[in-house]
Amino acid sequence: MRSRRSEEAQALVEFALILPVLLMLILGLIDVARAVEEENTLAYATREGSRYAIVHGASASPALGPCVTCVDTTAATPAASAAIGGVVTSAAIGVSHVTVSVGYPDGRNDRGDRVAVDATAPFVPLPSKWLLNGALSITLRGGSELVIEH
Protein backbone atom coordinates (compact mmCIF):
# COMPACT_ATOMS: atom_id res chain seq x y z
CA MET A 1 0.00 0.00 0.00
CA ARG A 2 1.31 3.41 -0.96
CA SER A 3 1.77 6.09 1.57
CA ARG A 4 -0.14 9.33 1.43
CA ARG A 5 3.10 11.26 0.94
CA SER A 6 4.05 9.36 -2.26
CA GLU A 7 0.56 9.99 -3.72
CA GLU A 8 0.95 13.72 -3.10
CA ALA A 9 4.35 13.67 -4.78
CA GLN A 10 2.91 11.83 -7.77
CA ALA A 11 0.10 14.38 -8.04
CA LEU A 12 2.65 17.21 -7.91
CA VAL A 13 4.70 15.65 -10.72
CA GLU A 14 1.59 15.14 -12.86
CA PHE A 15 0.54 18.74 -12.25
CA ALA A 16 4.02 19.98 -13.22
CA LEU A 17 3.85 18.00 -16.46
CA ILE A 18 0.39 19.21 -17.51
CA LEU A 19 0.70 22.87 -16.39
CA PRO A 20 2.75 24.14 -19.40
CA VAL A 21 0.32 22.51 -21.83
CA LEU A 22 -2.65 24.01 -20.01
CA LEU A 23 -1.07 27.49 -19.91
CA MET A 24 -0.23 27.38 -23.64
CA LEU A 25 -3.81 26.37 -24.41
CA ILE A 26 -5.22 29.24 -22.35
CA LEU A 27 -2.74 31.71 -23.87
CA GLY A 28 -3.67 30.51 -27.37
CA LEU A 29 -7.36 31.04 -26.69
CA ILE A 30 -6.66 34.55 -25.41
CA ASP A 31 -4.61 35.36 -28.53
CA VAL A 32 -7.33 34.08 -30.86
CA ALA A 33 -9.89 36.20 -29.02
CA ARG A 34 -7.61 39.26 -29.30
CA ALA A 35 -7.11 38.71 -33.04
CA VAL A 36 -10.85 38.30 -33.68
CA GLU A 37 -11.61 41.42 -31.66
CA GLU A 38 -9.04 43.49 -33.59
CA GLU A 39 -10.27 42.21 -36.95
CA ASN A 40 -13.87 43.07 -36.00
CA THR A 41 -12.69 46.53 -34.96
CA LEU A 42 -11.00 46.98 -38.35
CA ALA A 43 -14.20 45.90 -40.12
CA TYR A 44 -16.22 48.40 -38.06
CA ALA A 45 -13.69 51.17 -38.74
CA THR A 46 -13.76 50.59 -42.50
CA ARG A 47 -17.56 50.70 -42.47
CA GLU A 48 -17.34 54.07 -40.72
CA GLY A 49 -14.86 55.28 -43.35
CA SER A 50 -17.12 54.05 -46.15
CA ARG A 51 -20.12 55.80 -44.59
CA TYR A 52 -18.11 59.02 -44.42
CA ALA A 53 -17.12 58.63 -48.09
CA ILE A 54 -20.64 57.91 -49.39
CA VAL A 55 -22.05 61.12 -47.97
CA HIS A 56 -19.14 63.13 -49.43
CA GLY A 57 -19.71 62.27 -53.09
CA ALA A 58 -19.50 64.64 -56.08
CA SER A 59 -22.60 66.64 -55.09
CA ALA A 60 -21.64 67.06 -51.41
CA SER A 61 -19.71 69.86 -49.80
CA PRO A 62 -16.85 69.15 -49.32
CA ALA A 63 -16.71 66.54 -52.07
CA LEU A 64 -14.24 63.68 -51.84
CA GLY A 65 -13.40 61.52 -54.79
CA PRO A 66 -11.03 59.74 -57.10
CA CYS A 67 -7.87 61.30 -58.47
CA VAL A 68 -8.64 62.38 -62.05
CA THR A 69 -5.05 63.41 -62.90
CA CYS A 70 -3.45 60.21 -61.60
CA VAL A 71 -2.37 57.18 -63.58
CA ASP A 72 -4.76 55.06 -61.50
CA THR A 73 -8.06 56.98 -61.69
CA THR A 74 -9.70 54.55 -59.25
CA ALA A 75 -7.40 55.75 -56.45
CA ALA A 76 -8.57 58.45 -54.06
CA THR A 77 -7.15 61.94 -54.03
CA PRO A 78 -4.68 62.63 -51.21
CA ALA A 79 -7.29 64.81 -49.47
CA ALA A 80 -9.91 62.06 -49.69
CA SER A 81 -7.46 59.43 -48.48
CA ALA A 82 -6.43 61.62 -45.56
CA ALA A 83 -10.00 62.46 -44.56
CA ILE A 84 -11.34 58.92 -44.85
CA GLY A 85 -8.15 57.49 -43.32
CA GLY A 86 -8.58 59.81 -40.34
CA VAL A 87 -12.13 58.54 -39.81
CA VAL A 88 -10.97 54.91 -40.02
CA THR A 89 -8.01 55.45 -37.69
CA SER A 90 -10.13 57.22 -35.08
CA ALA A 91 -12.77 54.46 -35.23
CA ALA A 92 -10.17 51.68 -34.86
CA ILE A 93 -9.92 52.05 -31.09
CA GLY A 94 -7.30 49.76 -29.59
CA VAL A 95 -5.71 48.82 -32.93
CA SER A 96 -2.33 50.35 -33.64
CA HIS A 97 -0.40 50.88 -36.89
CA VAL A 98 -3.52 50.93 -39.09
CA THR A 99 -2.88 51.36 -42.83
CA VAL A 100 -5.86 52.60 -44.85
CA SER A 101 -6.42 52.46 -48.61
CA VAL A 102 -9.35 54.09 -50.36
CA GLY A 103 -10.48 53.29 -53.88
CA TYR A 104 -13.28 54.15 -56.26
CA PRO A 105 -13.86 50.99 -58.35
CA ASP A 106 -16.06 52.84 -60.87
CA GLY A 107 -13.51 55.67 -61.27
CA ARG A 108 -16.07 58.32 -60.26
CA ASN A 109 -17.72 59.62 -57.12
CA ASP A 110 -21.19 60.30 -58.49
CA ARG A 111 -24.41 59.03 -56.96
CA GLY A 112 -24.66 55.27 -57.50
CA ASP A 113 -20.90 54.71 -57.84
CA ARG A 114 -18.95 52.64 -55.33
CA VAL A 115 -16.26 53.47 -52.80
CA ALA A 116 -14.03 50.81 -51.24
CA VAL A 117 -12.14 51.27 -47.98
CA ASP A 118 -9.61 48.70 -46.76
CA ALA A 119 -7.58 48.73 -43.57
CA THR A 120 -4.77 46.48 -42.41
CA ALA A 121 -2.91 46.24 -39.13
CA PRO A 122 -0.21 43.93 -37.78
CA PHE A 123 -1.11 41.56 -34.95
CA VAL A 124 1.65 40.17 -32.74
CA PRO A 125 0.73 37.10 -30.65
CA LEU A 126 1.65 37.30 -26.97
CA PRO A 127 4.32 34.54 -27.00
CA SER A 128 6.04 36.27 -29.92
CA LYS A 129 5.82 39.62 -28.16
CA TRP A 130 7.28 38.26 -24.92
CA LEU A 131 9.77 35.67 -26.13
CA LEU A 132 10.80 36.72 -29.65
CA ASN A 133 10.58 40.50 -29.31
CA GLY A 134 7.67 40.65 -31.77
CA ALA A 135 9.41 38.71 -34.56
CA LEU A 136 6.24 36.91 -35.62
CA SER A 137 3.26 38.92 -36.78
CA ILE A 138 0.01 38.36 -38.64
CA THR A 139 -1.65 40.98 -40.84
CA LEU A 140 -5.31 41.54 -40.01
CA ARG A 141 -7.62 43.10 -42.61
CA GLY A 142 -10.99 44.79 -42.66
CA GLY A 143 -12.80 46.10 -45.70
CA SER A 144 -16.01 47.75 -46.79
CA GLU A 145 -17.51 48.75 -50.13
CA LEU A 146 -20.62 50.94 -50.28
CA VAL A 147 -22.55 52.90 -52.91
CA ILE A 148 -22.30 56.69 -52.86
CA GLU A 149 -25.61 58.26 -51.84
CA HIS A 150 -24.85 61.96 -51.96
C-alpha atoms as a PDB file:
ATOM      1  CA  MET A   1       0.000   0.000   0.000  1.00  0.00           C
ATOM      2  CA  ARG A   2       1.315   3.413  -0.960  1.00  0.00           C
ATOM      3  CA  SER A   3       1.769   6.086   1.570  1.00  0.00           C
ATOM      4  CA  ARG A   4      -0.136   9.328   1.431  1.00  0.00           C
ATOM      5  CA  ARG A   5       3.104  11.258   0.937  1.00  0.00           C
ATOM      6  CA  SER A   6       4.053   9.359  -2.261  1.00  0.00           C
ATOM      7  CA  GLU A   7       0.562   9.988  -3.721  1.00  0.00           C
ATOM      8  CA  GLU A   8       0.954  13.719  -3.104  1.00  0.00           C
ATOM      9  CA  ALA A   9       4.348  13.671  -4.776  1.00  0.00           C
ATOM     10  CA  GLN A  10       2.912  11.835  -7.767  1.00  0.00           C
ATOM     11  CA  ALA A  11       0.099  14.382  -8.043  1.00  0.00           C
ATOM     12  CA  LEU A  12       2.653  17.210  -7.905  1.00  0.00           C
ATOM     13  CA  VAL A  13       4.701  15.652 -10.720  1.00  0.00           C
ATOM     14  CA  GLU A  14       1.588  15.141 -12.859  1.00  0.00           C
ATOM     15  CA  PHE A  15       0.538  18.742 -12.250  1.00  0.00           C
ATOM     16  CA  ALA A  16       4.017  19.983 -13.218  1.00  0.00           C
ATOM     17  CA  LEU A  17       3.849  18.003 -16.459  1.00  0.00           C
ATOM     18  CA  ILE A  18       0.394  19.208 -17.510  1.00  0.00           C
ATOM     19  CA  LEU A  19       0.698  22.867 -16.388  1.00  0.00           C
ATOM     20  CA  PRO A  20       2.746  24.142 -19.399  1.00  0.00           C
ATOM     21  CA  VAL A  21       0.317  22.515 -21.827  1.00  0.00           C
ATOM     22  CA  LEU A  22      -2.651  24.013 -20.010  1.00  0.00           C
ATOM     23  CA  LEU A  23      -1.074  27.488 -19.909  1.00  0.00           C
ATOM     24  CA  MET A  24      -0.231  27.385 -23.637  1.00  0.00           C
ATOM     25  CA  LEU A  25      -3.811  26.366 -24.414  1.00  0.00           C
ATOM     26  CA  ILE A  26      -5.221  29.244 -22.353  1.00  0.00           C
ATOM     27  CA  LEU A  27      -2.741  31.712 -23.868  1.00  0.00           C
ATOM     28  CA  GLY A  28      -3.665  30.515 -27.366  1.00  0.00           C
ATOM     29  CA  LEU A  29      -7.361  31.044 -26.685  1.00  0.00           C
ATOM     30  CA  ILE A  30      -6.661  34.555 -25.408  1.00  0.00           C
ATOM     31  CA  ASP A  31      -4.615  35.358 -28.532  1.00  0.00           C
ATOM     32  CA  VAL A  32      -7.326  34.080 -30.865  1.00  0.00           C
ATOM     33  CA  ALA A  33      -9.889  36.203 -29.015  1.00  0.00           C
ATOM     34  CA  ARG A  34      -7.613  39.265 -29.298  1.00  0.00           C
ATOM     35  CA  ALA A  35      -7.114  38.707 -33.041  1.00  0.00           C
ATOM     36  CA  VAL A  36     -10.850  38.297 -33.677  1.00  0.00           C
ATOM     37  CA  GLU A  37     -11.610  41.424 -31.662  1.00  0.00           C
ATOM     38  CA  GLU A  38      -9.038  43.493 -33.585  1.00  0.00           C
ATOM     39  CA  GLU A  39     -10.273  42.210 -36.946  1.00  0.00           C
ATOM     40  CA  ASN A  40     -13.870  43.071 -35.997  1.00  0.00           C
ATOM     41  CA  THR A  41     -12.687  46.529 -34.956  1.00  0.00           C
ATOM     42  CA  LEU A  42     -11.003  46.980 -38.352  1.00  0.00           C
ATOM     43  CA  ALA A  43     -14.200  45.901 -40.122  1.00  0.00           C
ATOM     44  CA  TYR A  44     -16.223  48.398 -38.065  1.00  0.00           C
ATOM     45  CA  ALA A  45     -13.691  51.170 -38.744  1.00  0.00           C
ATOM     46  CA  THR A  46     -13.759  50.590 -42.503  1.00  0.00           C
ATOM     47  CA  ARG A  47     -17.562  50.696 -42.473  1.00  0.00           C
ATOM     48  CA  GLU A  48     -17.342  54.066 -40.725  1.00  0.00           C
ATOM     49  CA  GLY A  49     -14.857  55.277 -43.352  1.00  0.00           C
ATOM     50  CA  SER A  50     -17.124  54.052 -46.148  1.00  0.00           C
ATOM     51  CA  ARG A  51     -20.119  55.804 -44.594  1.00  0.00           C
ATOM     52  CA  TYR A  52     -18.115  59.021 -44.423  1.00  0.00           C
ATOM     53  CA  ALA A  53     -17.122  58.633 -48.090  1.00  0.00           C
ATOM     54  CA  ILE A  54     -20.635  57.909 -49.393  1.00  0.00           C
ATOM     55  CA  VAL A  55     -22.047  61.120 -47.969  1.00  0.00           C
ATOM     56  CA  HIS A  56     -19.145  63.134 -49.433  1.00  0.00           C
ATOM     57  CA  GLY A  57     -19.705  62.275 -53.094  1.00  0.00           C
ATOM     58  CA  ALA A  58     -19.503  64.644 -56.079  1.00  0.00           C
ATOM     59  CA  SER A  59     -22.602  66.637 -55.085  1.00  0.00           C
ATOM     60  CA  ALA A  60     -21.641  67.064 -51.412  1.00  0.00           C
ATOM     61  CA  SER A  61     -19.710  69.860 -49.800  1.00  0.00           C
ATOM     62  CA  PRO A  62     -16.853  69.145 -49.323  1.00  0.00           C
ATOM     63  CA  ALA A  63     -16.709  66.542 -52.068  1.00  0.00           C
ATOM     64  CA  LEU A  64     -14.241  63.681 -51.843  1.00  0.00           C
ATOM     65  CA  GLY A  65     -13.399  61.525 -54.786  1.00  0.00           C
ATOM     66  CA  PRO A  66     -11.031  59.739 -57.097  1.00  0.00           C
ATOM     67  CA  CYS A  67      -7.874  61.299 -58.470  1.00  0.00           C
ATOM     68  CA  VAL A  68      -8.640  62.378 -62.054  1.00  0.00           C
ATOM     69  CA  THR A  69      -5.054  63.415 -62.897  1.00  0.00           C
ATOM     70  CA  CYS A  70      -3.453  60.208 -61.603  1.00  0.00           C
ATOM     71  CA  VAL A  71      -2.372  57.184 -63.579  1.00  0.00           C
ATOM     72  CA  ASP A  72      -4.761  55.058 -61.504  1.00  0.00           C
ATOM     73  CA  THR A  73      -8.059  56.977 -61.688  1.00  0.00           C
ATOM     74  CA  THR A  74      -9.700  54.552 -59.254  1.00  0.00           C
ATOM     75  CA  ALA A  75      -7.399  55.748 -56.450  1.00  0.00           C
ATOM     76  CA  ALA A  76      -8.574  58.448 -54.056  1.00  0.00           C
ATOM     77  CA  THR A  77      -7.147  61.942 -54.031  1.00  0.00           C
ATOM     78  CA  PRO A  78      -4.679  62.625 -51.207  1.00  0.00           C
ATOM     79  CA  ALA A  79      -7.285  64.810 -49.472  1.00  0.00           C
ATOM     80  CA  ALA A  80      -9.910  62.055 -49.686  1.00  0.00           C
ATOM     81  CA  SER A  81      -7.457  59.427 -48.477  1.00  0.00           C
ATOM     82  CA  ALA A  82      -6.426  61.618 -45.565  1.00  0.00           C
ATOM     83  CA  ALA A  83     -10.003  62.465 -44.559  1.00  0.00           C
ATOM     84  CA  ILE A  84     -11.336  58.923 -44.848  1.00  0.00           C
ATOM     85  CA  GLY A  85      -8.147  57.492 -43.321  1.00  0.00           C
ATOM     86  CA  GLY A  86      -8.584  59.811 -40.337  1.00  0.00           C
ATOM     87  CA  VAL A  87     -12.133  58.541 -39.805  1.00  0.00           C
ATOM     88  CA  VAL A  88     -10.969  54.913 -40.022  1.00  0.00           C
ATOM     89  CA  THR A  89      -8.007  55.450 -37.692  1.00  0.00           C
ATOM     90  CA  SER A  90     -10.129  57.218 -35.079  1.00  0.00           C
ATOM     91  CA  ALA A  91     -12.766  54.457 -35.227  1.00  0.00           C
ATOM     92  CA  ALA A  92     -10.165  51.682 -34.857  1.00  0.00           C
ATOM     93  CA  ILE A  93      -9.919  52.052 -31.094  1.00  0.00           C
ATOM     94  CA  GLY A  94      -7.296  49.763 -29.588  1.00  0.00           C
ATOM     95  CA  VAL A  95      -5.711  48.821 -32.928  1.00  0.00           C
ATOM     96  CA  SER A  96      -2.327  50.354 -33.645  1.00  0.00           C
ATOM     97  CA  HIS A  97      -0.405  50.878 -36.893  1.00  0.00           C
ATOM     98  CA  VAL A  98      -3.516  50.928 -39.094  1.00  0.00           C
ATOM     99  CA  THR A  99      -2.875  51.364 -42.826  1.00  0.00           C
ATOM    100  CA  VAL A 100      -5.859  52.600 -44.851  1.00  0.00           C
ATOM    101  CA  SER A 101      -6.417  52.463 -48.605  1.00  0.00           C
ATOM    102  CA  VAL A 102      -9.350  54.094 -50.362  1.00  0.00           C
ATOM    103  CA  GLY A 103     -10.485  53.292 -53.875  1.00  0.00           C
ATOM    104  CA  TYR A 104     -13.279  54.146 -56.265  1.00  0.00           C
ATOM    105  CA  PRO A 105     -13.863  50.985 -58.353  1.00  0.00           C
ATOM    106  CA  ASP A 106     -16.060  52.842 -60.867  1.00  0.00           C
ATOM    107  CA  GLY A 107     -13.511  55.671 -61.275  1.00  0.00           C
ATOM    108  CA  ARG A 108     -16.074  58.325 -60.262  1.00  0.00           C
ATOM    109  CA  ASN A 109     -17.716  59.623 -57.115  1.00  0.00           C
ATOM    110  CA  ASP A 110     -21.193  60.298 -58.492  1.00  0.00           C
ATOM    111  CA  ARG A 111     -24.410  59.030 -56.957  1.00  0.00           C
ATOM    112  CA  GLY A 112     -24.663  55.269 -57.505  1.00  0.00           C
ATOM    113  CA  ASP A 113     -20.901  54.715 -57.838  1.00  0.00           C
ATOM    114  CA  ARG A 114     -18.954  52.637 -55.330  1.00  0.00           C
ATOM    115  CA  VAL A 115     -16.260  53.471 -52.802  1.00  0.00           C
ATOM    116  CA  ALA A 116     -14.032  50.806 -51.238  1.00  0.00           C
ATOM    117  CA  VAL A 117     -12.145  51.265 -47.983  1.00  0.00           C
ATOM    118  CA  ASP A 118      -9.612  48.700 -46.758  1.00  0.00           C
ATOM    119  CA  ALA A 119      -7.575  48.733 -43.566  1.00  0.00           C
ATOM    120  CA  THR A 120      -4.766  46.482 -42.409  1.00  0.00           C
ATOM    121  CA  ALA A 121      -2.912  46.238 -39.125  1.00  0.00           C
ATOM    122  CA  PRO A 122      -0.211  43.930 -37.785  1.00  0.00           C
ATOM    123  CA  PHE A 123      -1.112  41.559 -34.953  1.00  0.00           C
ATOM    124  CA  VAL A 124       1.653  40.168 -32.742  1.00  0.00           C
ATOM    125  CA  PRO A 125       0.728  37.099 -30.648  1.00  0.00           C
ATOM    126  CA  LEU A 126       1.649  37.303 -26.974  1.00  0.00           C
ATOM    127  CA  PRO A 127       4.319  34.544 -26.997  1.00  0.00           C
ATOM    128  CA  SER A 128       6.036  36.274 -29.916  1.00  0.00           C
ATOM    129  CA  LYS A 129       5.817  39.619 -28.159  1.00  0.00           C
ATOM    130  CA  TRP A 130       7.275  38.264 -24.924  1.00  0.00           C
ATOM    131  CA  LEU A 131       9.766  35.670 -26.132  1.00  0.00           C
ATOM    132  CA  LEU A 132      10.799  36.719 -29.648  1.00  0.00           C
ATOM    133  CA  ASN A 133      10.581  40.501 -29.314  1.00  0.00           C
ATOM    134  CA  GLY A 134       7.672  40.645 -31.767  1.00  0.00           C
ATOM    135  CA  ALA A 135       9.410  38.713 -34.562  1.00  0.00           C
ATOM    136  CA  LEU A 136       6.240  36.906 -35.624  1.00  0.00           C
ATOM    137  CA  SER A 137       3.258  38.920 -36.777  1.00  0.00           C
ATOM    138  CA  ILE A 138       0.007  38.364 -38.641  1.00  0.00           C
ATOM    139  CA  THR A 139      -1.649  40.975 -40.844  1.00  0.00           C
ATOM    140  CA  LEU A 140      -5.305  41.538 -40.014  1.00  0.00           C
ATOM    141  CA  ARG A 141      -7.619  43.098 -42.609  1.00  0.00           C
ATOM    142  CA  GLY A 142     -10.988  44.788 -42.661  1.00  0.00           C
ATOM    143  CA  GLY A 143     -12.805  46.098 -45.704  1.00  0.00           C
ATOM    144  CA  SER A 144     -16.008  47.754 -46.786  1.00  0.00           C
ATOM    145  CA  GLU A 145     -17.514  48.748 -50.129  1.00  0.00           C
ATOM    146  CA  LEU A 146     -20.619  50.943 -50.277  1.00  0.00           C
ATOM    147  CA  VAL A 147     -22.550  52.896 -52.907  1.00  0.00           C
ATOM    148  CA  ILE A 148     -22.295  56.695 -52.864  1.00  0.00           C
ATOM    149  CA  GLU A 149     -25.606  58.256 -51.843  1.00  0.00           C
ATOM    150  CA  HIS A 150     -24.854  61.958 -51.959  1.00  0.00           C
END
